[in-house]
Amino acid sequence: MKKVFFTLAILTLTLTSCGTKKKIAALEAQNKECQDLLNSTTVKLNLCLSEKEALLKQTEYLKQNNSDLINSSKEMTILSSKGAQNIEKALETIKEKDLKITRMQDALTKKDSVTLALVTSLKSSVGISDPDIEINVEKGVVFISIADKLLFKSGSYTVSDKAKEVLGKVAKVINSRPTFECMVEGHTDNVPFTGNAVLLDNWDLSVKRSTAIVRVLTKDLGVKPSQLIAAGRSEFIPLVDNKTSDNRAINRRTRIVILPKIDEFYDMIEKEMKNPKK
C-alpha cells in the first residue's frame, strides 16, 4: 500500500514538474518577446527624440531666418526709400546743372553780342575807322591800341598834332566814365635805342612816350590825373616777331587800357545793348 502511494506521489511530482517547465518556457518566450518589443520601442523612441531635437533646431533656425528676412525686408524698404530719394536728388542736381549750362551758354552768347556792341559803340564814340587804331574788349577790360606812327616821330617822345586829335576822341571816352582807371602803356620794337642825355634804352623810351600821352590827356584834354597810370613795357610784349620793318612798326604802339569796375562795366554794356549806336 505504501509502495503504491509512493509511486503515485512520484508520478504526481513528475507530472507537476513537467507542467511547470512548460509554463516557465512559455513565460520565458513571452518575456523575450516583451524584451524584444521593448528594445524595438526604445530604439524608435530614441529615433523620435533625435528627430524631435533636429526639428526643434530647424524650427529655431527657421524662426531666426524669418526674423532676419523680416529685418532685411525692413532695411531694404528703408534703403529703397533712400535710394528713391537719392535718385530724385541726383535728377534735381542734373536739372540744376543743365539749367546752369543753359544759362552759361546764353550768357556767353549775350557776352559776344554785348562785346561787339560795346566795341562798335566805342569806335563810334571815338570816331575811329583807322586800321592803325584797334579797339577790343577782353574780360571786362577795354583796350585801345594806337600805332606809334600816329603819335610820335621815329625815336621821339614828342606827341604829334595828329595824335592830339586822336587822343581828344579817346579822352571823351575816359571823361564819360569818371570812375574808370586807364593805364597808358608804351611799347617799342627790339631795335636798341642809341641813347642820349635823357634816354638810355627802350625802357626809357617806352616810359617817356607813356608819360607824354598822360600829359596831353590831363593838361590839354581835361582827363583827371587820378584816373591815369603811366607804364612802359619796352620791347618785351611784341604782337608779332621783329624780323621785318612792317612787323616792327606793328610792335611800336601805345595801348590805353580802360579798367572799369566790374559792376559798372556790365551796367555800361547793358546800356549799350539797350541803346546801340549805329
Protein backbone atom coordinates (compact mmCIF):
# COMPACT_ATOMS: atom_id res chain seq x y z
CA MET A 1 0.00 0.00 0.00
CA LYS A 2 2.78 2.31 0.88
CA LYS A 3 4.56 1.48 -2.37
CA VAL A 4 1.55 2.37 -4.38
CA PHE A 5 1.17 5.66 -2.58
CA PHE A 6 4.83 6.46 -3.06
CA THR A 7 4.64 5.65 -6.73
CA LEU A 8 1.62 7.90 -7.15
CA ALA A 9 3.37 10.65 -5.32
CA ILE A 10 6.40 10.41 -7.61
CA LEU A 11 4.18 10.33 -10.68
CA THR A 12 2.29 13.39 -9.45
CA LEU A 13 5.50 15.30 -8.83
CA THR A 14 6.83 14.32 -12.24
CA LEU A 15 3.69 15.47 -13.97
CA THR A 16 3.66 18.68 -11.95
CA SER A 17 7.31 19.34 -12.74
CA CYS A 18 6.70 18.91 -16.48
CA GLY A 19 3.79 21.34 -16.37
CA THR A 20 5.87 23.90 -14.56
CA LYS A 21 8.70 23.65 -17.04
CA LYS A 22 6.27 24.24 -19.88
CA LYS A 23 4.88 27.29 -18.11
CA ILE A 24 8.37 28.56 -17.38
CA ALA A 25 9.35 28.02 -21.00
CA ALA A 26 6.20 29.81 -22.14
CA LEU A 27 6.84 32.67 -19.74
CA GLU A 28 10.44 32.93 -20.87
CA ALA A 29 9.33 33.05 -24.51
CA GLN A 30 6.76 35.70 -23.64
CA ASN A 31 9.36 37.65 -21.68
CA LYS A 32 11.73 37.53 -24.67
CA GLU A 33 9.04 38.88 -26.94
CA CYS A 34 8.33 41.65 -24.45
CA GLN A 35 12.05 42.41 -24.21
CA ASP A 36 12.41 42.49 -27.99
CA LEU A 37 9.35 44.73 -28.23
CA LEU A 38 10.78 46.99 -25.52
CA ASN A 39 14.15 47.19 -27.27
CA SER A 40 12.44 47.99 -30.56
CA THR A 41 10.25 50.59 -28.90
CA THR A 42 13.26 52.10 -27.15
CA VAL A 43 15.12 52.40 -30.48
CA LYS A 44 12.09 54.03 -32.08
CA LEU A 45 11.68 56.33 -29.10
CA ASN A 46 15.31 57.39 -29.28
CA LEU A 47 14.96 57.95 -33.02
CA CYS A 48 11.85 60.06 -32.43
CA LEU A 49 13.65 62.04 -29.76
CA SER A 50 16.55 62.66 -32.15
CA GLU A 51 14.17 63.74 -34.90
CA LYS A 52 12.34 65.94 -32.44
CA GLU A 53 15.59 67.61 -31.42
CA ALA A 54 16.54 68.11 -35.06
CA LEU A 55 13.11 69.54 -35.81
CA LEU A 56 13.37 71.89 -32.84
CA LYS A 57 16.75 73.12 -34.09
CA GLN A 58 15.37 73.51 -37.58
CA THR A 59 12.39 75.39 -36.17
CA GLU A 60 14.71 77.75 -34.28
CA TYR A 61 16.81 78.24 -37.42
CA LEU A 62 13.70 78.97 -39.47
CA LYS A 63 12.46 81.40 -36.84
CA GLN A 64 15.82 83.21 -36.82
CA ASN A 65 15.99 83.15 -40.59
CA ASN A 66 12.47 84.50 -40.79
CA SER A 67 13.38 87.24 -38.33
CA ASP A 68 16.46 88.09 -40.39
CA LEU A 69 14.38 88.17 -43.53
CA ILE A 70 11.88 90.49 -41.87
CA ASN A 71 14.71 92.79 -40.73
CA SER A 72 16.31 92.63 -44.18
CA SER A 73 12.98 93.44 -45.72
CA LYS A 74 12.64 96.47 -43.46
CA GLU A 75 16.20 97.56 -44.29
CA MET A 76 15.56 97.04 -48.00
CA THR A 77 12.41 99.12 -47.70
CA ILE A 78 14.38 101.87 -45.97
CA LEU A 79 17.21 101.60 -48.50
CA SER A 80 14.73 101.57 -51.34
CA SER A 81 13.15 104.71 -49.95
CA LYS A 82 16.54 106.34 -49.52
CA GLY A 83 17.54 105.15 -52.98
CA ALA A 84 14.46 106.77 -54.46
CA GLN A 85 15.27 109.97 -52.59
CA ASN A 86 18.88 109.84 -53.81
CA ILE A 87 17.70 109.31 -57.37
CA GLU A 88 15.36 112.29 -57.05
CA LYS A 89 18.20 114.41 -55.66
CA ALA A 90 20.51 113.25 -58.46
CA LEU A 91 17.88 114.15 -61.05
CA GLU A 92 17.40 117.55 -59.41
CA THR A 93 21.18 118.08 -59.48
CA ILE A 94 21.31 117.12 -63.15
CA LYS A 95 18.45 119.51 -63.90
CA GLU A 96 20.23 122.28 -62.00
CA LYS A 97 23.46 121.62 -63.89
CA ASP A 98 21.60 121.58 -67.20
CA LEU A 99 19.99 124.88 -66.25
CA LYS A 100 23.37 126.35 -65.30
CA ILE A 101 24.88 125.15 -68.57
CA THR A 102 21.98 126.68 -70.49
CA ARG A 103 22.39 129.94 -68.60
CA MET A 104 26.14 129.93 -69.21
CA GLN A 105 25.60 129.30 -72.91
CA ASP A 106 23.08 132.13 -73.00
CA ALA A 107 25.50 134.34 -71.09
CA LEU A 108 28.32 133.55 -73.50
CA THR A 109 26.08 134.31 -76.45
CA LYS A 110 24.98 137.53 -74.80
CA LYS A 111 28.59 138.36 -73.88
CA ASP A 112 29.69 138.02 -77.50
CA SER A 113 26.83 140.23 -78.64
CA VAL A 114 27.47 142.74 -75.86
CA THR A 115 31.19 142.85 -76.56
CA LEU A 116 30.56 143.52 -80.24
CA ALA A 117 28.00 146.21 -79.36
CA LEU A 118 30.39 147.87 -76.90
CA VAL A 119 33.31 147.88 -79.32
CA THR A 120 31.07 149.29 -82.05
CA SER A 121 29.80 151.94 -79.63
CA LEU A 122 33.32 152.92 -78.55
CA LYS A 123 34.53 153.13 -82.14
CA SER A 124 31.52 155.25 -82.94
CA SER A 125 32.14 157.49 -79.92
CA VAL A 126 35.81 157.90 -80.74
CA GLY A 127 35.02 158.25 -84.42
CA ILE A 128 37.80 155.84 -85.33
CA SER A 129 37.93 153.95 -88.59
CA ASP A 130 41.71 153.91 -88.95
CA PRO A 131 43.30 150.44 -89.28
CA ASP A 132 46.18 151.69 -87.11
CA ILE A 133 43.78 152.09 -84.17
CA GLU A 134 42.34 148.91 -82.69
CA ILE A 135 39.66 148.64 -80.03
CA ASN A 136 38.67 145.37 -78.34
CA VAL A 137 37.15 144.13 -75.10
CA GLU A 138 38.50 141.18 -73.12
CA LYS A 139 37.24 140.02 -69.69
CA GLY A 140 35.63 143.34 -68.87
CA VAL A 141 38.66 145.40 -69.95
CA VAL A 142 38.66 147.78 -72.92
CA PHE A 143 41.90 148.03 -74.95
CA ILE A 144 42.60 150.91 -77.35
CA SER A 145 45.84 150.31 -79.24
CA ILE A 146 47.28 153.18 -81.34
CA ALA A 147 50.20 152.72 -83.71
CA ASP A 148 53.14 154.97 -82.86
CA LYS A 149 53.24 156.45 -86.37
CA LEU A 150 50.02 158.29 -85.44
CA LEU A 151 51.56 159.61 -82.22
CA PHE A 152 55.33 160.08 -82.49
CA LYS A 153 58.13 160.50 -84.94
CA SER A 154 60.77 157.75 -85.02
CA GLY A 155 62.86 157.72 -81.86
CA SER A 156 60.90 160.64 -80.39
CA TYR A 157 58.54 161.01 -77.47
CA THR A 158 57.06 164.33 -78.61
CA VAL A 159 53.33 163.92 -79.32
CA SER A 160 52.34 164.99 -82.82
CA ASP A 161 49.43 167.32 -83.62
CA LYS A 162 47.64 164.44 -85.39
CA ALA A 163 47.98 162.39 -82.22
CA LYS A 164 46.26 165.10 -80.17
CA GLU A 165 43.26 164.87 -82.48
CA VAL A 166 43.03 161.09 -81.93
CA LEU A 167 43.68 161.40 -78.19
CA GLY A 168 40.94 164.02 -77.94
CA LYS A 169 38.40 161.39 -79.02
CA VAL A 170 39.87 158.87 -76.56
CA ALA A 171 39.62 161.50 -73.81
CA LYS A 172 35.89 161.77 -74.45
CA VAL A 173 35.50 158.06 -73.64
CA ILE A 174 37.59 158.38 -70.45
CA ASN A 175 35.85 161.55 -69.30
CA SER A 176 32.44 159.91 -69.80
CA ARG A 177 33.48 157.21 -67.31
CA PRO A 178 34.94 159.23 -64.38
CA THR A 179 35.21 156.20 -62.07
CA PHE A 180 37.26 154.15 -64.55
CA GLU A 181 41.04 153.90 -64.34
CA CYS A 182 43.14 154.00 -67.51
CA MET A 183 46.63 152.62 -67.95
CA VAL A 184 48.71 154.13 -70.73
CA GLU A 185 51.30 151.58 -71.90
CA GLY A 186 54.23 152.43 -74.14
CA HIS A 187 55.62 149.60 -76.34
CA THR A 188 58.68 149.63 -78.62
CA ASP A 189 60.25 147.26 -81.13
CA ASN A 190 63.51 145.44 -80.39
CA VAL A 191 65.85 147.83 -82.18
CA PRO A 192 68.21 149.09 -79.47
CA PHE A 193 67.79 152.75 -78.63
CA THR A 194 71.10 154.52 -79.12
CA GLY A 195 70.53 156.72 -76.12
CA ASN A 196 71.13 160.40 -75.45
CA ALA A 197 71.46 162.64 -72.50
CA VAL A 198 67.91 161.87 -71.37
CA LEU A 199 67.07 158.32 -72.58
CA LEU A 200 69.26 155.26 -72.06
CA ASP A 201 67.30 152.45 -73.76
CA ASN A 202 63.89 151.22 -74.96
CA TRP A 203 62.65 151.11 -71.37
CA ASP A 204 63.21 154.84 -71.04
CA LEU A 205 61.68 155.49 -74.47
CA SER A 206 58.51 153.48 -73.72
CA VAL A 207 58.05 155.22 -70.36
CA LYS A 208 58.64 158.71 -71.79
CA ARG A 209 56.11 158.08 -74.55
CA SER A 210 53.59 156.88 -71.95
CA THR A 211 54.10 159.94 -69.72
CA ALA A 212 53.91 162.23 -72.78
CA ILE A 213 50.46 160.80 -73.62
CA VAL A 214 49.38 161.17 -69.98
CA ARG A 215 50.40 164.85 -70.02
CA VAL A 216 48.40 165.53 -73.18
CA LEU A 217 45.33 163.77 -71.73
CA THR A 218 45.49 165.65 -68.43
CA LYS A 219 46.79 169.12 -69.40
CA ASP A 220 45.21 169.53 -72.82
CA LEU A 221 42.14 167.26 -72.78
CA GLY A 222 40.83 167.54 -69.22
CA VAL A 223 41.27 163.94 -68.03
CA LYS A 224 41.63 163.65 -64.25
CA PRO A 225 45.19 162.64 -63.31
CA SER A 226 43.81 160.27 -60.65
CA GLN A 227 42.32 158.16 -63.45
CA LEU A 228 45.61 157.60 -65.28
CA ILE A 229 48.52 155.21 -64.83
CA ALA A 230 51.72 155.58 -66.89
CA ALA A 231 53.58 152.36 -67.76
CA GLY A 232 56.50 151.48 -70.03
CA ARG A 233 56.69 147.91 -71.40
CA SER A 234 59.75 148.38 -73.63
CA GLU A 235 60.18 145.67 -76.35
CA PHE A 236 59.16 142.66 -74.32
CA ILE A 237 55.47 142.22 -75.25
CA PRO A 238 55.55 142.18 -79.06
CA LEU A 239 52.42 141.45 -81.08
CA VAL A 240 54.46 139.86 -83.86
CA ASP A 241 58.12 139.00 -84.41
CA ASN A 242 60.50 141.86 -85.13
CA LYS A 243 62.08 140.35 -88.25
CA THR A 244 60.66 142.88 -90.74
CA SER A 245 60.19 146.64 -90.70
CA ASP A 246 56.42 146.23 -91.07
CA ASN A 247 56.31 143.94 -88.03
CA ARG A 248 58.44 146.31 -86.01
CA ALA A 249 56.02 149.11 -86.88
CA ILE A 250 53.16 146.97 -85.53
CA ASN A 251 55.01 146.41 -82.25
CA ARG A 252 55.67 150.15 -81.78
CA ARG A 253 52.42 151.22 -80.23
CA THR A 254 50.71 152.90 -77.31
CA ARG A 255 47.96 150.94 -75.64
CA ILE A 256 45.34 152.59 -73.45
CA VAL A 257 43.77 150.06 -71.09
CA ILE A 258 40.43 151.16 -69.63
CA LEU A 259 39.80 149.38 -66.32
CA PRO A 260 36.17 149.67 -65.24
CA LYS A 261 34.74 148.25 -62.04
CA ILE A 262 33.01 145.02 -62.95
CA ASP A 263 29.50 146.16 -61.93
CA GLU A 264 29.90 149.42 -63.84
CA PHE A 265 31.22 147.51 -66.83
CA TYR A 266 28.11 145.34 -67.01
CA ASP A 267 25.92 148.38 -66.43
CA MET A 268 27.67 150.04 -69.35
CA ILE A 269 27.25 147.08 -71.69
CA GLU A 270 23.59 146.70 -70.71
CA LYS A 271 23.03 150.33 -71.68
CA GLU A 272 24.88 149.76 -74.93
CA MET A 273 22.69 146.73 -75.64
CA LYS A 274 19.50 148.70 -74.98
CA ASN A 275 20.63 151.76 -76.95
CA PRO A 276 23.13 150.55 -79.56
CA LYS A 277 24.73 153.25 -81.65
CA LYS A 278 24.74 152.76 -85.38
